[in-house]
PDB file of N, CA and C in Angstrom:
ATOM      1  N   MET A   1     -20.874 -69.780 -45.095  1.00  0.00           N
ATOM      2  CA  MET A   1     -21.025 -68.512 -46.031  1.00  0.00           C
ATOM      3  C   MET A   1     -20.390 -67.300 -45.862  1.00  0.00           C
ATOM      4  N   GLU A   2     -20.137 -66.859 -47.042  1.00  0.00           N
ATOM      5  CA  GLU A   2     -19.076 -65.620 -47.001  1.00  0.00           C
ATOM      6  C   GLU A   2     -19.987 -64.583 -47.716  1.00  0.00           C
ATOM      7  N   PHE A   3     -19.899 -63.375 -47.351  1.00  0.00           N
ATOM      8  CA  PHE A   3     -20.342 -62.401 -47.679  1.00  0.00           C
ATOM      9  C   PHE A   3     -18.935 -61.494 -48.996  1.00  0.00           C
ATOM     10  N   GLN A   4     -19.853 -61.403 -49.937  1.00  0.00           N
ATOM     11  CA  GLN A   4     -18.331 -60.572 -50.944  1.00  0.00           C
ATOM     12  C   GLN A   4     -19.041 -59.395 -51.713  1.00  0.00           C
ATOM     13  N   TYR A   5     -18.304 -58.275 -51.202  1.00  0.00           N
ATOM     14  CA  TYR A   5     -18.778 -56.907 -51.881  1.00  0.00           C
ATOM     15  C   TYR A   5     -18.406 -56.980 -53.582  1.00  0.00           C
ATOM     16  N   THR A   6     -19.042 -56.525 -54.425  1.00  0.00           N
ATOM     17  CA  THR A   6     -18.783 -56.875 -56.084  1.00  0.00           C
ATOM     18  C   THR A   6     -19.321 -55.662 -56.582  1.00  0.00           C
ATOM     19  N   GLU A   7     -18.491 -54.882 -57.469  1.00  0.00           N
ATOM     20  CA  GLU A   7     -18.394 -53.872 -58.373  1.00  0.00           C
ATOM     21  C   GLU A   7     -19.210 -54.945 -59.478  1.00  0.00           C
ATOM     22  N   LEU A   8     -20.281 -54.241 -60.453  1.00  0.00           N
ATOM     23  CA  LEU A   8     -20.966 -54.957 -61.162  1.00  0.00           C
ATOM     24  C   LEU A   8     -20.709 -53.833 -62.387  1.00  0.00           C
ATOM     25  N   GLY A   9     -20.318 -53.031 -62.285  1.00  0.00           N
ATOM     26  CA  GLY A   9     -20.174 -51.934 -63.537  1.00  0.00           C
ATOM     27  C   GLY A   9     -21.529 -50.758 -63.264  1.00  0.00           C
ATOM     28  N   ASN A  10     -21.051 -49.822 -64.142  1.00  0.00           N
ATOM     29  CA  ASN A  10     -22.072 -48.499 -64.419  1.00  0.00           C
ATOM     30  C   ASN A  10     -22.752 -47.960 -63.119  1.00  0.00           C
ATOM     31  N   ASP A  11     -21.762 -47.881 -61.798  1.00  0.00           N
ATOM     32  CA  ASP A  11     -22.251 -47.478 -60.926  1.00  0.00           C
ATOM     33  C   ASP A  11     -23.218 -48.477 -60.180  1.00  0.00           C
ATOM     34  N   VAL A  12     -23.117 -49.757 -60.429  1.00  0.00           N
ATOM     35  CA  VAL A  12     -23.958 -50.496 -59.749  1.00  0.00           C
ATOM     36  C   VAL A  12     -23.080 -51.378 -58.940  1.00  0.00           C
ATOM     37  N   PHE A  13     -23.609 -52.102 -57.746  1.00  0.00           N
ATOM     38  CA  PHE A  13     -22.840 -52.719 -56.659  1.00  0.00           C
ATOM     39  C   PHE A  13     -23.359 -53.869 -56.230  1.00  0.00           C
ATOM     40  N   ALA A  14     -22.838 -54.786 -55.565  1.00  0.00           N
ATOM     41  CA  ALA A  14     -23.656 -55.674 -54.825  1.00  0.00           C
ATOM     42  C   ALA A  14     -22.873 -56.381 -53.231  1.00  0.00           C
ATOM     43  N   TYR A  15     -23.635 -56.778 -52.766  1.00  0.00           N
ATOM     44  CA  TYR A  15     -23.308 -57.798 -51.702  1.00  0.00           C
ATOM     45  C   TYR A  15     -23.916 -59.197 -51.835  1.00  0.00           C
ATOM     46  N   GLN A  16     -22.747 -60.159 -52.193  1.00  0.00           N
ATOM     47  CA  GLN A  16     -23.219 -61.672 -52.710  1.00  0.00           C
ATOM     48  C   GLN A  16     -22.930 -62.542 -51.413  1.00  0.00           C
ATOM     49  N   ALA A  17     -23.811 -63.237 -51.029  1.00  0.00           N
ATOM     50  CA  ALA A  17     -23.751 -64.575 -50.610  1.00  0.00           C
ATOM     51  C   ALA A  17     -23.302 -65.720 -51.189  1.00  0.00           C
ATOM     52  N   ARG A  18     -21.812 -66.372 -50.827  1.00  0.00           N
ATOM     53  CA  ARG A  18     -21.437 -67.482 -51.303  1.00  0.00           C
ATOM     54  C   ARG A  18     -21.298 -68.701 -50.280  1.00  0.00           C
ATOM     55  N   GLU A  19     -21.531 -70.016 -50.848  1.00  0.00           N
ATOM     56  CA  GLU A  19     -21.276 -71.036 -50.220  1.00  0.00           C
ATOM     57  C   GLU A  19     -20.581 -71.651 -51.329  1.00  0.00           C
ATOM     58  N   GLY A  20     -19.559 -71.752 -51.144  1.00  0.00           N
ATOM     59  CA  GLY A  20     -18.449 -72.511 -51.831  1.00  0.00           C
ATOM     60  C   GLY A  20     -18.566 -71.481 -53.004  1.00  0.00           C
ATOM     61  N   ASN A  21     -18.303 -72.176 -54.268  1.00  0.00           N
ATOM     62  CA  ASN A  21     -18.666 -71.624 -55.744  1.00  0.00           C
ATOM     63  C   ASN A  21     -19.781 -71.077 -55.909  1.00  0.00           C
ATOM     64  N   GLU A  22     -20.661 -71.233 -54.891  1.00  0.00           N
ATOM     65  CA  GLU A  22     -22.135 -71.283 -55.526  1.00  0.00           C
ATOM     66  C   GLU A  22     -22.744 -69.482 -54.800  1.00  0.00           C
ATOM     67  N   LYS A  23     -23.377 -68.705 -55.645  1.00  0.00           N
ATOM     68  CA  LYS A  23     -23.978 -67.534 -55.293  1.00  0.00           C
ATOM     69  C   LYS A  23     -25.109 -68.002 -54.782  1.00  0.00           C
ATOM     70  N   VAL A  24     -25.906 -67.924 -53.406  1.00  0.00           N
ATOM     71  CA  VAL A  24     -27.064 -68.132 -52.960  1.00  0.00           C
ATOM     72  C   VAL A  24     -27.496 -67.091 -52.533  1.00  0.00           C
ATOM     73  N   GLY A  25     -27.416 -65.708 -52.547  1.00  0.00           N
ATOM     74  CA  GLY A  25     -28.011 -64.350 -52.490  1.00  0.00           C
ATOM     75  C   GLY A  25     -27.084 -63.754 -53.017  1.00  0.00           C
ATOM     76  N   GLU A  26     -27.979 -62.148 -52.885  1.00  0.00           N
ATOM     77  CA  GLU A  26     -27.595 -60.986 -53.654  1.00  0.00           C
ATOM     78  C   GLU A  26     -28.128 -59.666 -53.319  1.00  0.00           C
ATOM     79  N   ILE A  27     -27.713 -58.528 -52.802  1.00  0.00           N
ATOM     80  CA  ILE A  27     -28.472 -57.609 -52.664  1.00  0.00           C
ATOM     81  C   ILE A  27     -27.867 -56.503 -53.601  1.00  0.00           C
ATOM     82  N   THR A  28     -28.296 -55.484 -53.995  1.00  0.00           N
ATOM     83  CA  THR A  28     -27.692 -54.999 -55.147  1.00  0.00           C
ATOM     84  C   THR A  28     -28.225 -53.584 -55.414  1.00  0.00           C
ATOM     85  N   TRP A  29     -27.156 -52.471 -55.489  1.00  0.00           N
ATOM     86  CA  TRP A  29     -27.974 -50.807 -55.553  1.00  0.00           C
ATOM     87  C   TRP A  29     -27.019 -50.346 -56.547  1.00  0.00           C
ATOM     88  N   THR A  30     -27.842 -49.096 -56.877  1.00  0.00           N
ATOM     89  CA  THR A  30     -27.190 -48.399 -57.961  1.00  0.00           C
ATOM     90  C   THR A  30     -26.872 -46.760 -56.829  1.00  0.00           C
ATOM     91  N   LEU A  31     -25.416 -46.562 -56.975  1.00  0.00           N
ATOM     92  CA  LEU A  31     -24.508 -45.379 -56.357  1.00  0.00           C
ATOM     93  C   LEU A  31     -25.157 -44.381 -57.317  1.00  0.00           C
ATOM     94  N   LEU A  32     -26.112 -42.970 -56.403  1.00  0.00           N
ATOM     95  CA  LEU A  32     -26.339 -41.883 -57.236  1.00  0.00           C
ATOM     96  C   LEU A  32     -25.614 -40.869 -56.071  1.00  0.00           C
ATOM     97  N   GLY A  33     -24.602 -40.519 -56.561  1.00  0.00           N
ATOM     98  CA  GLY A  33     -24.150 -39.627 -55.309  1.00  0.00           C
ATOM     99  C   GLY A  33     -23.682 -39.845 -54.368  1.00  0.00           C
ATOM    100  N   ASP A  34     -24.522 -40.008 -52.890  1.00  0.00           N
ATOM    101  CA  ASP A  34     -23.978 -40.244 -51.648  1.00  0.00           C
ATOM    102  C   ASP A  34     -25.160 -41.172 -51.505  1.00  0.00           C
ATOM    103  N   ILE A  35     -26.223 -41.596 -52.326  1.00  0.00           N
ATOM    104  CA  ILE A  35     -27.585 -42.412 -52.319  1.00  0.00           C
ATOM    105  C   ILE A  35     -27.157 -43.949 -52.926  1.00  0.00           C
ATOM    106  N   MET A  36     -27.244 -44.838 -51.922  1.00  0.00           N
ATOM    107  CA  MET A  36     -27.671 -46.458 -52.410  1.00  0.00           C
ATOM    108  C   MET A  36     -28.819 -46.642 -52.658  1.00  0.00           C
ATOM    109  N   VAL A  37     -28.982 -46.400 -53.703  1.00  0.00           N
ATOM    110  CA  VAL A  37     -30.692 -46.895 -54.498  1.00  0.00           C
ATOM    111  C   VAL A  37     -30.840 -48.707 -54.475  1.00  0.00           C
ATOM    112  N   MET A  38     -31.238 -48.855 -53.172  1.00  0.00           N
ATOM    113  CA  MET A  38     -31.349 -50.446 -53.312  1.00  0.00           C
ATOM    114  C   MET A  38     -32.685 -51.044 -53.687  1.00  0.00           C
ATOM    115  N   ASP A  39     -32.182 -51.852 -55.069  1.00  0.00           N
ATOM    116  CA  ASP A  39     -33.121 -52.187 -55.740  1.00  0.00           C
ATOM    117  C   ASP A  39     -33.453 -53.754 -56.171  1.00  0.00           C
ATOM    118  N   HIS A  40     -32.551 -54.639 -55.401  1.00  0.00           N
ATOM    119  CA  HIS A  40     -33.149 -56.115 -56.081  1.00  0.00           C
ATOM    120  C   HIS A  40     -32.462 -56.681 -54.749  1.00  0.00           C
ATOM    121  N   THR A  41     -32.948 -57.875 -54.056  1.00  0.00           N
ATOM    122  CA  THR A  41     -32.445 -58.615 -53.176  1.00  0.00           C
ATOM    123  C   THR A  41     -32.986 -59.925 -53.997  1.00  0.00           C
ATOM    124  N   PHE A  42     -32.269 -61.174 -53.979  1.00  0.00           N
ATOM    125  CA  PHE A  42     -32.481 -62.284 -54.109  1.00  0.00           C
ATOM    126  C   PHE A  42     -31.659 -63.530 -53.309  1.00  0.00           C
ATOM    127  N   VAL A  43     -32.393 -64.713 -52.629  1.00  0.00           N
ATOM    128  CA  VAL A  43     -32.025 -65.281 -51.862  1.00  0.00           C
ATOM    129  C   VAL A  43     -32.411 -66.742 -52.384  1.00  0.00           C
ATOM    130  N   SER A  44     -31.581 -67.800 -52.591  1.00  0.00           N
ATOM    131  CA  SER A  44     -31.685 -68.838 -53.321  1.00  0.00           C
ATOM    132  C   SER A  44     -32.258 -69.899 -52.521  1.00  0.00           C
ATOM    133  N   PRO A  45     -33.648 -70.561 -53.253  1.00  0.00           N
ATOM    134  CA  PRO A  45     -34.640 -71.602 -52.479  1.00  0.00           C
ATOM    135  C   PRO A  45     -33.992 -72.477 -51.595  1.00  0.00           C
ATOM    136  N   SER A  46     -32.317 -72.582 -51.991  1.00  0.00           N
ATOM    137  CA  SER A  46     -32.025 -73.561 -50.851  1.00  0.00           C
ATOM    138  C   SER A  46     -31.851 -73.272 -49.429  1.00  0.00           C
ATOM    139  N   VAL A  47     -31.601 -71.487 -49.543  1.00  0.00           N
ATOM    140  CA  VAL A  47     -31.296 -70.913 -48.310  1.00  0.00           C
ATOM    141  C   VAL A  47     -32.199 -70.326 -47.727  1.00  0.00           C
ATOM    142  N   ARG A  48     -33.400 -70.156 -48.269  1.00  0.00           N
ATOM    143  CA  ARG A  48     -34.387 -69.019 -47.867  1.00  0.00           C
ATOM    144  C   ARG A  48     -34.797 -69.786 -46.257  1.00  0.00           C
ATOM    145  N   GLY A  49     -35.135 -68.588 -45.619  1.00  0.00           N
ATOM    146  CA  GLY A  49     -35.839 -68.628 -44.388  1.00  0.00           C
ATOM    147  C   GLY A  49     -34.508 -68.935 -43.097  1.00  0.00           C
ATOM    148  N   GLY A  50     -33.421 -68.883 -43.795  1.00  0.00           N
ATOM    149  CA  GLY A  50     -31.979 -68.854 -42.924  1.00  0.00           C
ATOM    150  C   GLY A  50     -31.635 -67.326 -42.504  1.00  0.00           C
ATOM    151  N   GLY A  51     -32.484 -66.106 -42.734  1.00  0.00           N
ATOM    152  CA  GLY A  51     -32.225 -65.011 -42.518  1.00  0.00           C
ATOM    153  C   GLY A  51     -31.019 -64.272 -43.489  1.00  0.00           C
ATOM    154  N   VAL A  52     -30.905 -64.761 -44.655  1.00  0.00           N
ATOM    155  CA  VAL A  52     -29.478 -64.350 -45.728  1.00  0.00           C
ATOM    156  C   VAL A  52     -29.850 -63.403 -45.979  1.00  0.00           C
ATOM    157  N   ALA A  53     -31.208 -62.753 -46.134  1.00  0.00           N
ATOM    158  CA  ALA A  53     -31.373 -61.491 -47.056  1.00  0.00           C
ATOM    159  C   ALA A  53     -30.932 -60.425 -46.019  1.00  0.00           C
ATOM    160  N   LYS A  54     -31.662 -61.048 -44.692  1.00  0.00           N
ATOM    161  CA  LYS A  54     -31.123 -60.041 -43.633  1.00  0.00           C
ATOM    162  C   LYS A  54     -29.678 -59.684 -43.385  1.00  0.00           C
ATOM    163  N   LYS A  55     -29.269 -60.833 -43.736  1.00  0.00           N
ATOM    164  CA  LYS A  55     -27.825 -60.663 -43.276  1.00  0.00           C
ATOM    165  C   LYS A  55     -26.900 -59.784 -44.530  1.00  0.00           C
ATOM    166  N   LEU A  56     -27.484 -59.976 -45.787  1.00  0.00           N
ATOM    167  CA  LEU A  56     -27.187 -58.860 -46.711  1.00  0.00           C
ATOM    168  C   LEU A  56     -27.466 -57.428 -46.780  1.00  0.00           C
ATOM    169  N   LEU A  57     -28.366 -57.435 -46.187  1.00  0.00           N
ATOM    170  CA  LEU A  57     -28.672 -55.785 -45.614  1.00  0.00           C
ATOM    171  C   LEU A  57     -27.926 -55.312 -44.884  1.00  0.00           C
ATOM    172  N   ASP A  58     -27.691 -55.921 -43.733  1.00  0.00           N
ATOM    173  CA  ASP A  58     -26.953 -55.699 -42.937  1.00  0.00           C
ATOM    174  C   ASP A  58     -25.436 -55.244 -43.079  1.00  0.00           C
ATOM    175  N   GLN A  59     -24.704 -56.201 -44.066  1.00  0.00           N
ATOM    176  CA  GLN A  59     -23.883 -55.920 -44.979  1.00  0.00           C
ATOM    177  C   GLN A  59     -23.690 -54.668 -45.595  1.00  0.00           C
ATOM    178  N   ALA A  60     -24.778 -53.987 -46.199  1.00  0.00           N
ATOM    179  CA  ALA A  60     -24.968 -53.335 -46.813  1.00  0.00           C
ATOM    180  C   ALA A  60     -25.098 -52.037 -45.922  1.00  0.00           C
ATOM    181  N   ALA A  61     -25.779 -51.945 -45.409  1.00  0.00           N
ATOM    182  CA  ALA A  61     -26.126 -50.982 -44.275  1.00  0.00           C
ATOM    183  C   ALA A  61     -24.650 -50.446 -43.653  1.00  0.00           C
ATOM    184  N   ASP A  62     -23.763 -51.462 -43.369  1.00  0.00           N
ATOM    185  CA  ASP A  62     -22.466 -51.388 -42.911  1.00  0.00           C
ATOM    186  C   ASP A  62     -21.707 -50.452 -43.525  1.00  0.00           C
ATOM    187  N   TYR A  63     -21.840 -51.254 -45.121  1.00  0.00           N
ATOM    188  CA  TYR A  63     -21.056 -50.236 -46.379  1.00  0.00           C
ATOM    189  C   TYR A  63     -21.651 -49.074 -46.022  1.00  0.00           C
ATOM    190  N   ALA A  64     -22.667 -48.391 -46.177  1.00  0.00           N
ATOM    191  CA  ALA A  64     -23.221 -47.323 -46.255  1.00  0.00           C
ATOM    192  C   ALA A  64     -22.831 -46.338 -44.844  1.00  0.00           C
ATOM    193  N   ARG A  65     -22.729 -46.953 -43.804  1.00  0.00           N
ATOM    194  CA  ARG A  65     -21.941 -46.218 -42.568  1.00  0.00           C
ATOM    195  C   ARG A  65     -20.888 -45.863 -42.615  1.00  0.00           C
ATOM    196  N   LYS A  66     -19.720 -46.809 -43.329  1.00  0.00           N
ATOM    197  CA  LYS A  66     -18.206 -46.809 -43.501  1.00  0.00           C
ATOM    198  C   LYS A  66     -18.026 -45.266 -44.204  1.00  0.00           C
ATOM    199  N   ASN A  67     -18.846 -45.374 -45.689  1.00  0.00           N
ATOM    200  CA  ASN A  67     -18.874 -44.237 -46.388  1.00  0.00           C
ATOM    201  C   ASN A  67     -19.635 -43.021 -46.272  1.00  0.00           C
ATOM    202  N   ASP A  68     -20.238 -42.871 -45.397  1.00  0.00           N
ATOM    203  CA  ASP A  68     -21.556 -41.889 -45.252  1.00  0.00           C
ATOM    204  C   ASP A  68     -22.501 -41.805 -46.219  1.00  0.00           C
ATOM    205  N   TYR A  69     -23.001 -42.927 -46.758  1.00  0.00           N
ATOM    206  CA  TYR A  69     -23.921 -42.941 -47.359  1.00  0.00           C
ATOM    207  C   TYR A  69     -25.308 -43.173 -47.049  1.00  0.00           C
ATOM    208  N   LYS A  70     -26.083 -42.709 -47.404  1.00  0.00           N
ATOM    209  CA  LYS A  70     -27.666 -43.068 -47.179  1.00  0.00           C
ATOM    210  C   LYS A  70     -28.282 -44.161 -48.550  1.00  0.00           C
ATOM    211  N   MET A  71     -29.732 -44.917 -47.722  1.00  0.00           N
ATOM    212  CA  MET A  71     -29.859 -46.104 -48.560  1.00  0.00           C
ATOM    213  C   MET A  71     -31.413 -45.683 -48.494  1.00  0.00           C
ATOM    214  N   GLU A  72     -31.597 -45.726 -50.244  1.00  0.00           N
ATOM    215  CA  GLU A  72     -33.047 -45.557 -50.369  1.00  0.00           C
ATOM    216  C   GLU A  72     -33.543 -46.772 -51.019  1.00  0.00           C
ATOM    217  N   ALA A  73     -34.639 -46.968 -50.419  1.00  0.00           N
ATOM    218  CA  ALA A  73     -35.310 -48.580 -50.323  1.00  0.00           C
ATOM    219  C   ALA A  73     -36.140 -48.559 -51.789  1.00  0.00           C
ATOM    220  N   VAL A  74     -35.839 -49.302 -52.522  1.00  0.00           N
ATOM    221  CA  VAL A  74     -36.567 -49.652 -53.529  1.00  0.00           C
ATOM    222  C   VAL A  74     -37.629 -50.686 -53.520  1.00  0.00           C
ATOM    223  N   CYS A  75     -36.274 -52.019 -53.844  1.00  0.00           N
ATOM    224  CA  CYS A  75     -36.711 -53.282 -53.516  1.00  0.00           C
ATOM    225  C   CYS A  75     -37.720 -53.535 -52.141  1.00  0.00           C
ATOM    226  N   SER A  76     -38.508 -54.405 -52.303  1.00  0.00           N
ATOM    227  CA  SER A  76     -39.791 -54.638 -52.015  1.00  0.00           C
ATOM    228  C   SER A  76     -39.068 -55.445 -50.197  1.00  0.00           C
ATOM    229  N   TYR A  77     -37.807 -56.150 -50.253  1.00  0.00           N
ATOM    230  CA  TYR A  77     -37.579 -56.477 -49.264  1.00  0.00           C
ATOM    231  C   TYR A  77     -37.065 -55.683 -48.297  1.00  0.00           C
ATOM    232  N   VAL A  78     -36.147 -54.799 -48.806  1.00  0.00           N
ATOM    233  CA  VAL A  78     -35.508 -53.853 -48.496  1.00  0.00           C
ATOM    234  C   VAL A  78     -36.852 -52.650 -47.736  1.00  0.00           C
ATOM    235  N   VAL A  79     -37.945 -52.363 -48.459  1.00  0.00           N
ATOM    236  CA  VAL A  79     -39.269 -51.347 -47.688  1.00  0.00           C
ATOM    237  C   VAL A  79     -39.627 -51.969 -46.631  1.00  0.00           C
ATOM    238  N   THR A  80     -39.973 -53.474 -46.632  1.00  0.00           N
ATOM    239  CA  THR A  80     -40.384 -54.369 -45.684  1.00  0.00           C
ATOM    240  C   THR A  80     -39.329 -53.739 -44.217  1.00  0.00           C
ATOM    241  N   ALA A  81     -37.779 -54.240 -44.431  1.00  0.00           N
ATOM    242  CA  ALA A  81     -37.221 -54.182 -43.914  1.00  0.00           C
ATOM    243  C   ALA A  81     -36.985 -52.890 -42.876  1.00  0.00           C
ATOM    244  N   PHE A  82     -37.213 -51.686 -43.809  1.00  0.00           N
ATOM    245  CA  PHE A  82     -36.823 -50.448 -43.080  1.00  0.00           C
ATOM    246  C   PHE A  82     -38.215 -49.754 -42.165  1.00  0.00           C
ATOM    247  N   ASP A  83     -39.365 -50.631 -42.607  1.00  0.00           N
ATOM    248  CA  ASP A  83     -40.519 -50.531 -41.921  1.00  0.00           C
ATOM    249  C   ASP A  83     -40.017 -51.316 -40.479  1.00  0.00           C
ATOM    250  N   ARG A  84     -39.663 -52.809 -40.586  1.00  0.00           N
ATOM    251  CA  ARG A  84     -39.694 -53.688 -39.529  1.00  0.00           C
ATOM    252  C   ARG A  84     -38.578 -53.016 -38.519  1.00  0.00           C
ATOM    253  N   TYR A  85     -37.489 -52.883 -38.761  1.00  0.00           N
ATOM    254  CA  TYR A  85     -36.249 -52.597 -38.038  1.00  0.00           C
ATOM    255  C   TYR A  85     -36.075 -51.086 -37.454  1.00  0.00           C
ATOM    256  N   LYS A  86     -35.499 -50.781 -36.702  1.00  0.00           N
ATOM    257  CA  LYS A  86     -35.076 -49.380 -36.310  1.00  0.00           C
ATOM    258  C   LYS A  86     -33.623 -49.523 -36.417  1.00  0.00           C
ATOM    259  N   GLU A  87     -32.907 -50.209 -36.956  1.00  0.00           N
ATOM    260  CA  GLU A  87     -31.511 -50.269 -36.825  1.00  0.00           C
ATOM    261  C   GLU A  87     -31.046 -49.888 -38.178  1.00  0.00           C
ATOM    262  N   TYR A  88     -31.999 -49.614 -39.013  1.00  0.00           N
ATOM    263  CA  TYR A  88     -31.462 -48.770 -40.282  1.00  0.00           C
ATOM    264  C   TYR A  88     -32.013 -47.702 -40.150  1.00  0.00           C
ATOM    265  N   ASP A  89     -32.425 -46.784 -39.158  1.00  0.00           N
ATOM    266  CA  ASP A  89     -33.146 -45.381 -39.046  1.00  0.00           C
ATOM    267  C   ASP A  89     -31.967 -44.682 -39.496  1.00  0.00           C
ATOM    268  N   ASP A  90     -30.430 -44.626 -39.245  1.00  0.00           N
ATOM    269  CA  ASP A  90     -29.593 -44.041 -39.559  1.00  0.00           C
ATOM    270  C   ASP A  90     -29.055 -43.825 -40.918  1.00  0.00           C
ATOM    271  N   VAL A  91     -29.348 -44.920 -41.535  1.00  0.00           N
ATOM    272  CA  VAL A  91     -29.193 -45.000 -43.076  1.00  0.00           C
ATOM    273  C   VAL A  91     -30.165 -44.661 -44.159  1.00  0.00           C
ATOM    274  N   LYS A  92     -31.038 -44.578 -43.583  1.00  0.00           N
ATOM    275  CA  LYS A  92     -32.657 -44.182 -44.515  1.00  0.00           C
ATOM    276  C   LYS A  92     -32.622 -42.967 -45.414  1.00  0.00           C
ATOM    277  N   ALA A  93     -32.547 -42.697 -46.473  1.00  0.00           N
ATOM    278  CA  ALA A  93     -32.364 -41.381 -46.967  1.00  0.00           C
ATOM    279  C   ALA A  93     -33.466 -40.557 -47.214  1.00  0.00           C
TER     280      ALA A  93
END
């Protein structure tokens, strides 16, 4: 599985999980100043339960750290992950 950073336009960005040519997962955000507003996470039923959503969030969190951004959890998955895992405390807005 590959993870690919993608610019979707209009200050909207994503990390996509791909298996070959198929997109099997995606986490998206809107960039407002130095805040990544995490608004959507999707994982294909074919790979659910394999930790893909967390891997996508990890990619986005690493991106935030490298760019001195903070992340605001709007998507229900990101809200839950922020509550569950302390490893994201440094990027929480």
